[in-house]
Amino acid sequence: MPRPIWRDDPTPGDVRHRILVLSNPIHSDIAVPVDADILARFGFLRDGALDLDDPNLRDIIFTTIMPHLLMKPSPDNLR
């Protein structure tokens, strides 16, 4: 366990982020807080016309949808 346990100023290796995972039976969302490192890692999202330079940007949210829920019910896919 690192000492001291409580510290006011994190050292460079101690920076932590709270990543939120919101989930229900239909889909899941993953919210990643934005900082310079995250913007560098996910900079390729600018190619999709996302405004990553907006000063109000706080999180990048990734959404997944369960593919089996996109199918229309039919006798074949209800088995």
PDB file of N, CA and C in Angstrom:
ATOM      1  N   MET A   1       0.846  -1.169   0.000  1.00  0.00           N
ATOM      2  CA  MET A   1       0.000   0.000   0.000  1.00  0.00           C
ATOM      3  C   MET A   1       0.893   1.234   0.000  1.00  0.00           C
ATOM      4  N   PRO A   2       0.602   2.211  -0.872  1.00  0.00           N
ATOM      5  CA  PRO A   2       1.436   3.411  -0.910  1.00  0.00           C
ATOM      6  C   PRO A   2       1.323   4.212   0.376  1.00  0.00           C
ATOM      7  N   ARG A   3       2.402   4.870   0.715  1.00  0.00           N
ATOM      8  CA  ARG A   3       2.437   5.726   1.905  1.00  0.00           C
ATOM      9  C   ARG A   3       2.751   7.139   1.480  1.00  0.00           C
ATOM     10  N   PRO A   4       2.164   8.153   2.015  1.00  0.00           N
ATOM     11  CA  PRO A   4       1.033   8.084   2.933  1.00  0.00           C
ATOM     12  C   PRO A   4      -0.240   7.663   2.204  1.00  0.00           C
ATOM     13  N   ILE A   5      -1.185   7.179   2.971  1.00  0.00           N
ATOM     14  CA  ILE A   5      -2.437   6.712   2.374  1.00  0.00           C
ATOM     15  C   ILE A   5      -3.201   7.884   1.761  1.00  0.00           C
ATOM     16  N   TRP A   6      -3.264   9.013   2.483  1.00  0.00           N
ATOM     17  CA  TRP A   6      -3.934  10.203   1.958  1.00  0.00           C
ATOM     18  C   TRP A   6      -2.893  11.211   1.557  1.00  0.00           C
ATOM     19  N   ARG A   7      -3.105  11.804   0.392  1.00  0.00           N
ATOM     20  CA  ARG A   7      -2.138  12.760  -0.122  1.00  0.00           C
ATOM     21  C   ARG A   7      -2.908  13.882  -0.793  1.00  0.00           C
ATOM     22  N   ASP A   8      -2.477  15.114  -0.607  1.00  0.00           N
ATOM     23  CA  ASP A   8      -3.144  16.249  -1.244  1.00  0.00           C
ATOM     24  C   ASP A   8      -2.771  16.376  -2.721  1.00  0.00           C
ATOM     25  N   ASP A   9      -1.498  16.190  -3.041  1.00  0.00           N
ATOM     26  CA  ASP A   9      -1.025  16.344  -4.408  1.00  0.00           C
ATOM     27  C   ASP A   9      -0.650  14.982  -4.981  1.00  0.00           C
ATOM     28  N   PRO A  10      -1.369  14.522  -6.012  1.00  0.00           N
ATOM     29  CA  PRO A  10      -0.988  13.228  -6.588  1.00  0.00           C
ATOM     30  C   PRO A  10       0.342  13.333  -7.319  1.00  0.00           C
ATOM     31  N   THR A  11       1.159  12.330  -7.208  1.00  0.00           N
ATOM     32  CA  THR A  11       2.376  12.272  -7.993  1.00  0.00           C
ATOM     33  C   THR A  11       1.993  11.802  -9.385  1.00  0.00           C
ATOM     34  N   PRO A  12       2.856  12.007 -10.394  1.00  0.00           N
ATOM     35  CA  PRO A  12       2.459  11.687 -11.778  1.00  0.00           C
ATOM     36  C   PRO A  12       1.885  10.291 -11.980  1.00  0.00           C
ATOM     37  N   GLY A  13       2.389   9.289 -11.291  1.00  0.00           N
ATOM     38  CA  GLY A  13       1.874   7.944 -11.478  1.00  0.00           C
ATOM     39  C   GLY A  13       0.602   7.658 -10.709  1.00  0.00           C
ATOM     40  N   ASP A  14       0.167   8.598  -9.886  1.00  0.00           N
ATOM     41  CA  ASP A  14      -1.001   8.373  -9.039  1.00  0.00           C
ATOM     42  C   ASP A  14      -2.288   8.987  -9.573  1.00  0.00           C
ATOM     43  N   VAL A  15      -2.259   9.571 -10.745  1.00  0.00           N
ATOM     44  CA  VAL A  15      -3.457  10.200 -11.292  1.00  0.00           C
ATOM     45  C   VAL A  15      -4.468   9.113 -11.631  1.00  0.00           C
ATOM     46  N   ARG A  16      -5.680   9.297 -11.156  1.00  0.00           N
ATOM     47  CA  ARG A  16      -6.746   8.321 -11.410  1.00  0.00           C
ATOM     48  C   ARG A  16      -7.942   9.030 -12.024  1.00  0.00           C
ATOM     49  N   HIS A  17      -8.707   8.260 -12.770  1.00  0.00           N
ATOM     50  CA  HIS A  17      -9.915   8.788 -13.399  1.00  0.00           C
ATOM     51  C   HIS A  17     -11.087   7.922 -12.988  1.00  0.00           C
ATOM     52  N   ARG A  18     -12.215   8.546 -12.817  1.00  0.00           N
ATOM     53  CA  ARG A  18     -13.436   7.788 -12.571  1.00  0.00           C
ATOM     54  C   ARG A  18     -14.121   7.577 -13.908  1.00  0.00           C
ATOM     55  N   ILE A  19     -14.211   6.329 -14.310  1.00  0.00           N
ATOM     56  CA  ILE A  19     -14.881   5.962 -15.550  1.00  0.00           C
ATOM     57  C   ILE A  19     -16.228   5.362 -15.162  1.00  0.00           C
ATOM     58  N   LEU A  20     -17.292   5.932 -15.700  1.00  0.00           N
ATOM     59  CA  LEU A  20     -18.635   5.478 -15.362  1.00  0.00           C
ATOM     60  C   LEU A  20     -19.120   4.460 -16.383  1.00  0.00           C
ATOM     61  N   VAL A  21     -19.726   3.404 -15.902  1.00  0.00           N
ATOM     62  CA  VAL A  21     -20.352   2.408 -16.764  1.00  0.00           C
ATOM     63  C   VAL A  21     -21.822   2.362 -16.378  1.00  0.00           C
ATOM     64  N   LEU A  22     -22.660   2.744 -17.319  1.00  0.00           N
ATOM     65  CA  LEU A  22     -24.107   2.738 -17.111  1.00  0.00           C
ATOM     66  C   LEU A  22     -24.669   1.628 -17.981  1.00  0.00           C
ATOM     67  N   SER A  23     -25.409   0.723 -17.375  1.00  0.00           N
ATOM     68  CA  SER A  23     -25.833  -0.446 -18.126  1.00  0.00           C
ATOM     69  C   SER A  23     -27.275  -0.801 -17.817  1.00  0.00           C
ATOM     70  N   ASN A  24     -27.959  -1.314 -18.830  1.00  0.00           N
ATOM     71  CA  ASN A  24     -29.291  -1.878 -18.665  1.00  0.00           C
ATOM     72  C   ASN A  24     -29.406  -3.029 -19.660  1.00  0.00           C
ATOM     73  N   PRO A  25     -30.519  -3.731 -19.717  1.00  0.00           N
ATOM     74  CA  PRO A  25     -30.600  -4.895 -20.613  1.00  0.00           C
ATOM     75  C   PRO A  25     -30.457  -4.581 -22.102  1.00  0.00           C
ATOM     76  N   ILE A  26     -30.651  -3.333 -22.494  1.00  0.00           N
ATOM     77  CA  ILE A  26     -30.614  -2.985 -23.908  1.00  0.00           C
ATOM     78  C   ILE A  26     -29.238  -2.511 -24.358  1.00  0.00           C
ATOM     79  N   HIS A  27     -28.571  -1.682 -23.547  1.00  0.00           N
ATOM     80  CA  HIS A  27     -27.279  -1.139 -23.961  1.00  0.00           C
ATOM     81  C   HIS A  27     -26.443  -0.745 -22.754  1.00  0.00           C
ATOM     82  N   SER A  28     -25.193  -0.431 -23.040  1.00  0.00           N
ATOM     83  CA  SER A  28     -24.284   0.060 -22.007  1.00  0.00           C
ATOM     84  C   SER A  28     -23.622   1.333 -22.498  1.00  0.00           C
ATOM     85  N   ASP A  29     -23.386   2.270 -21.587  1.00  0.00           N
ATOM     86  CA  ASP A  29     -22.655   3.498 -21.886  1.00  0.00           C
ATOM     87  C   ASP A  29     -21.414   3.518 -21.018  1.00  0.00           C
ATOM     88  N   ILE A  30     -20.306   3.944 -21.588  1.00  0.00           N
ATOM     89  CA  ILE A  30     -19.065   4.103 -20.851  1.00  0.00           C
ATOM     90  C   ILE A  30     -18.663   5.560 -20.995  1.00  0.00           C
ATOM     91  N   ALA A  31     -18.594   6.281 -19.872  1.00  0.00           N
ATOM     92  CA  ALA A  31     -18.249   7.702 -19.872  1.00  0.00           C
ATOM     93  C   ALA A  31     -16.821   7.862 -19.361  1.00  0.00           C
ATOM     94  N   VAL A  32     -15.959   8.412 -20.218  1.00  0.00           N
ATOM     95  CA  VAL A  32     -14.551   8.617 -19.884  1.00  0.00           C
ATOM     96  C   VAL A  32     -14.323  10.122 -19.738  1.00  0.00           C
ATOM     97  N   PRO A  33     -13.844  10.585 -18.574  1.00  0.00           N
ATOM     98  CA  PRO A  33     -13.596  12.017 -18.412  1.00  0.00           C
ATOM     99  C   PRO A  33     -12.468  12.489 -19.330  1.00  0.00           C
ATOM    100  N   VAL A  34     -12.623  13.686 -19.870  1.00  0.00           N
ATOM    101  CA  VAL A  34     -11.672  14.218 -20.840  1.00  0.00           C
ATOM    102  C   VAL A  34     -10.550  14.975 -20.132  1.00  0.00           C
ATOM    103  N   ASP A  35      -9.328  14.672 -20.519  1.00  0.00           N
ATOM    104  CA  ASP A  35      -8.160  15.450 -20.147  1.00  0.00           C
ATOM    105  C   ASP A  35      -7.208  15.407 -21.345  1.00  0.00           C
ATOM    106  N   ALA A  36      -6.047  16.016 -21.222  1.00  0.00           N
ATOM    107  CA  ALA A  36      -5.117  16.085 -22.358  1.00  0.00           C
ATOM    108  C   ALA A  36      -4.705  14.701 -22.831  1.00  0.00           C
ATOM    109  N   ASP A  37      -4.476  13.772 -21.902  1.00  0.00           N
ATOM    110  CA  ASP A  37      -4.065  12.421 -22.275  1.00  0.00           C
ATOM    111  C   ASP A  37      -5.173  11.701 -23.047  1.00  0.00           C
ATOM    112  N   ILE A  38      -6.404  11.812 -22.570  1.00  0.00           N
ATOM    113  CA  ILE A  38      -7.540  11.168 -23.259  1.00  0.00           C
ATOM    114  C   ILE A  38      -7.729  11.777 -24.648  1.00  0.00           C
ATOM    115  N   LEU A  39      -7.609  13.105 -24.748  1.00  0.00           N
ATOM    116  CA  LEU A  39      -7.747  13.742 -26.063  1.00  0.00           C
ATOM    117  C   LEU A  39      -6.669  13.252 -27.025  1.00  0.00           C
ATOM    118  N   ALA A  40      -5.460  13.028 -26.522  1.00  0.00           N
ATOM    119  CA  ALA A  40      -4.391  12.522 -27.378  1.00  0.00           C
ATOM    120  C   ALA A  40      -4.686  11.088 -27.819  1.00  0.00           C
ATOM    121  N   ARG A  41      -5.171  10.267 -26.909  1.00  0.00           N
ATOM    122  CA  ARG A  41      -5.444   8.867 -27.230  1.00  0.00           C
ATOM    123  C   ARG A  41      -6.630   8.698 -28.179  1.00  0.00           C
ATOM    124  N   PHE A  42      -7.638   9.558 -28.017  1.00  0.00           N
ATOM    125  CA  PHE A  42      -8.851   9.430 -28.832  1.00  0.00           C
ATOM    126  C   PHE A  42      -8.957  10.541 -29.876  1.00  0.00           C
ATOM    127  N   GLY A  43      -7.846  11.152 -30.214  1.00  0.00           N
ATOM    128  CA  GLY A  43      -7.841  12.228 -31.210  1.00  0.00           C
ATOM    129  C   GLY A  43      -8.387  11.817 -32.559  1.00  0.00           C
ATOM    130  N   PHE A  44      -8.293  10.512 -32.869  1.00  0.00           N
ATOM    131  CA  PHE A  44      -8.818  10.021 -34.152  1.00  0.00           C
ATOM    132  C   PHE A  44     -10.320  10.256 -34.275  1.00  0.00           C
ATOM    133  N   LEU A  45     -11.013  10.516 -33.171  1.00  0.00           N
ATOM    134  CA  LEU A  45     -12.455  10.771 -33.244  1.00  0.00           C
ATOM    135  C   LEU A  45     -12.762  12.073 -33.976  1.00  0.00           C
ATOM    136  N   ARG A  46     -11.770  12.961 -34.087  1.00  0.00           N
ATOM    137  CA  ARG A  46     -11.963  14.196 -34.869  1.00  0.00           C
ATOM    138  C   ARG A  46     -12.263  13.867 -36.331  1.00  0.00           C
ATOM    139  N   ASP A  47     -11.729  12.735 -36.807  1.00  0.00           N
ATOM    140  CA  ASP A  47     -11.988  12.327 -38.199  1.00  0.00           C
ATOM    141  C   ASP A  47     -13.473  12.051 -38.427  1.00  0.00           C
ATOM    142  N   GLY A  48     -14.212  11.794 -37.364  1.00  0.00           N
ATOM    143  CA  GLY A  48     -15.650  11.565 -37.454  1.00  0.00           C
ATOM    144  C   GLY A  48     -16.449  12.831 -37.209  1.00  0.00           C
ATOM    145  N   ALA A  49     -15.800  13.974 -37.324  1.00  0.00           N
ATOM    146  CA  ALA A  49     -16.430  15.290 -37.168  1.00  0.00           C
ATOM    147  C   ALA A  49     -16.907  15.548 -35.743  1.00  0.00           C
ATOM    148  N   LEU A  50     -16.271  14.938 -34.760  1.00  0.00           N
ATOM    149  CA  LEU A  50     -16.602  15.231 -33.364  1.00  0.00           C
ATOM    150  C   LEU A  50     -15.757  16.401 -32.895  1.00  0.00           C
ATOM    151  N   ASP A  51     -16.376  17.336 -32.213  1.00  0.00           N
ATOM    152  CA  ASP A  51     -15.690  18.544 -31.753  1.00  0.00           C
ATOM    153  C   ASP A  51     -15.018  18.279 -30.402  1.00  0.00           C
ATOM    154  N   LEU A  52     -13.838  17.701 -30.444  1.00  0.00           N
ATOM    155  CA  LEU A  52     -13.112  17.392 -29.215  1.00  0.00           C
ATOM    156  C   LEU A  52     -12.451  18.623 -28.610  1.00  0.00           C
ATOM    157  N   ASP A  53     -12.482  19.748 -29.327  1.00  0.00           N
ATOM    158  CA  ASP A  53     -11.863  20.971 -28.826  1.00  0.00           C
ATOM    159  C   ASP A  53     -12.860  21.914 -28.170  1.00  0.00           C
ATOM    160  N   ASP A  54     -14.104  21.490 -28.036  1.00  0.00           N
ATOM    161  CA  ASP A  54     -15.120  22.306 -27.367  1.00  0.00           C
ATOM    162  C   ASP A  54     -14.704  22.494 -25.905  1.00  0.00           C
ATOM    163  N   PRO A  55     -14.608  23.726 -25.432  1.00  0.00           N
ATOM    164  CA  PRO A  55     -14.173  23.953 -24.046  1.00  0.00           C
ATOM    165  C   PRO A  55     -15.149  23.402 -23.003  1.00  0.00           C
ATOM    166  N   ASN A  56     -16.377  23.089 -23.407  1.00  0.00           N
ATOM    167  CA  ASN A  56     -17.367  22.540 -22.474  1.00  0.00           C
ATOM    168  C   ASN A  56     -17.356  21.016 -22.428  1.00  0.00           C
ATOM    169  N   LEU A  57     -16.506  20.384 -23.232  1.00  0.00           N
ATOM    170  CA  LEU A  57     -16.438  18.935 -23.271  1.00  0.00           C
ATOM    171  C   LEU A  57     -15.935  18.405 -21.932  1.00  0.00           C
ATOM    172  N   ARG A  58     -16.691  17.515 -21.332  1.00  0.00           N
ATOM    173  CA  ARG A  58     -16.321  16.949 -20.028  1.00  0.00           C
ATOM    174  C   ARG A  58     -16.045  15.455 -20.100  1.00  0.00           C
ATOM    175  N   ASP A  59     -16.817  14.744 -20.933  1.00  0.00           N
ATOM    176  CA  ASP A  59     -16.686  13.291 -21.042  1.00  0.00           C
ATOM    177  C   ASP A  59     -16.827  12.877 -22.495  1.00  0.00           C
ATOM    178  N   ILE A  60     -16.206  11.748 -22.821  1.00  0.00           N
ATOM    179  CA  ILE A  60     -16.466  11.065 -24.085  1.00  0.00           C
ATOM    180  C   ILE A  60     -17.270   9.831 -23.704  1.00  0.00           C
ATOM    181  N   ILE A  61     -18.422   9.670 -24.343  1.00  0.00           N
ATOM    182  CA  ILE A  61     -19.315   8.563 -23.993  1.00  0.00           C
ATOM    183  C   ILE A  61     -19.375   7.588 -25.161  1.00  0.00           C
ATOM    184  N   PHE A  62     -19.085   6.330 -24.838  1.00  0.00           N
ATOM    185  CA  PHE A  62     -19.159   5.247 -25.809  1.00  0.00           C
ATOM    186  C   PHE A  62     -20.404   4.434 -25.483  1.00  0.00           C
ATOM    187  N   THR A  63     -21.178   4.113 -26.499  1.00  0.00           N
ATOM    188  CA  THR A  63     -22.420   3.370 -26.316  1.00  0.00           C
ATOM    189  C   THR A  63     -22.356   2.062 -27.082  1.00  0.00           C
ATOM    190  N   THR A  64     -22.830   1.016 -26.446  1.00  0.00           N
ATOM    191  CA  THR A  64     -22.954  -0.272 -27.122  1.00  0.00           C
ATOM    192  C   THR A  64     -24.410  -0.691 -27.075  1.00  0.00           C
ATOM    193  N   ILE A  65     -24.867  -1.298 -28.153  1.00  0.00           N
ATOM    194  CA  ILE A  65     -26.231  -1.821 -28.222  1.00  0.00           C
ATOM    195  C   ILE A  65     -26.130  -3.323 -28.424  1.00  0.00           C
ATOM    196  N   MET A  66     -26.926  -4.054 -27.692  1.00  0.00           N
ATOM    197  CA  MET A  66     -26.900  -5.508 -27.820  1.00  0.00           C
ATOM    198  C   MET A  66     -27.473  -5.888 -29.182  1.00  0.00           C
ATOM    199  N   PRO A  67     -26.653  -6.484 -30.076  1.00  0.00           N
ATOM    200  CA  PRO A  67     -27.100  -6.733 -31.459  1.00  0.00           C
ATOM    201  C   PRO A  67     -28.340  -7.610 -31.563  1.00  0.00           C
ATOM    202  N   HIS A  68     -28.515  -8.550 -30.652  1.00  0.00           N
ATOM    203  CA  HIS A  68     -29.681  -9.440 -30.765  1.00  0.00           C
ATOM    204  C   HIS A  68     -30.985  -8.679 -30.544  1.00  0.00           C
ATOM    205  N   LEU A  69     -30.914  -7.499 -29.929  1.00  0.00           N
ATOM    206  CA  LEU A  69     -32.134  -6.713 -29.713  1.00  0.00           C
ATOM    207  C   LEU A  69     -32.524  -5.916 -30.950  1.00  0.00           C
ATOM    208  N   LEU A  70     -31.637  -5.862 -31.940  1.00  0.00           N
ATOM    209  CA  LEU A  70     -31.945  -5.135 -33.160  1.00  0.00           C
ATOM    210  C   LEU A  70     -32.714  -5.995 -34.161  1.00  0.00           C
ATOM    211  N   MET A  71     -32.757  -7.300 -33.937  1.00  0.00           N
ATOM    212  CA  MET A  71     -33.454  -8.203 -34.853  1.00  0.00           C
ATOM    213  C   MET A  71     -34.959  -8.125 -34.628  1.00  0.00           C
ATOM    214  N   LYS A  72     -35.689  -8.194 -35.704  1.00  0.00           N
ATOM    215  CA  LYS A  72     -37.138  -8.255 -35.578  1.00  0.00           C
ATOM    216  C   LYS A  72     -37.527  -9.672 -35.167  1.00  0.00           C
ATOM    217  N   PRO A  73     -38.478  -9.798 -34.259  1.00  0.00           N
ATOM    218  CA  PRO A  73     -38.894 -11.141 -33.852  1.00  0.00           C
ATOM    219  C   PRO A  73     -39.436 -11.924 -35.041  1.00  0.00           C
ATOM    220  N   SER A  74     -39.005 -13.141 -35.147  1.00  0.00           N
ATOM    221  CA  SER A  74     -39.520 -14.049 -36.159  1.00  0.00           C
ATOM    222  C   SER A  74     -39.400 -15.453 -35.593  1.00  0.00           C
ATOM    223  N   PRO A  75     -40.129 -16.405 -36.128  1.00  0.00           N
ATOM    224  CA  PRO A  75     -40.031 -17.779 -35.609  1.00  0.00           C
ATOM    225  C   PRO A  75     -38.600 -18.302 -35.666  1.00  0.00           C
ATOM    226  N   ASP A  76     -37.800 -17.864 -36.649  1.00  0.00           N
ATOM    227  CA  ASP A  76     -36.444 -18.372 -36.773  1.00  0.00           C
ATOM    228  C   ASP A  76     -35.511 -17.884 -35.658  1.00  0.00           C
ATOM    229  N   ASN A  77     -35.654 -16.620 -35.233  1.00  0.00           N
ATOM    230  CA  ASN A  77     -34.727 -16.134 -34.216  1.00  0.00           C
ATOM    231  C   ASN A  77     -35.313 -16.178 -32.796  1.00  0.00           C
ATOM    232  N   LEU A  78     -36.451 -16.817 -32.626  1.00  0.00           N
ATOM    233  CA  LEU A  78     -37.011 -17.007 -31.291  1.00  0.00           C
ATOM    234  C   LEU A  78     -36.648 -18.372 -30.706  1.00  0.00           C
ATOM    235  N   ARG A  79     -36.021 -19.213 -31.485  1.00  0.00           N
ATOM    236  CA  ARG A  79     -35.645 -20.549 -31.001  1.00  0.00           C
ATOM    237  C   ARG A  79     -34.511 -20.500 -30.046  1.00  0.00           C
TER     238      ARG A  79
END
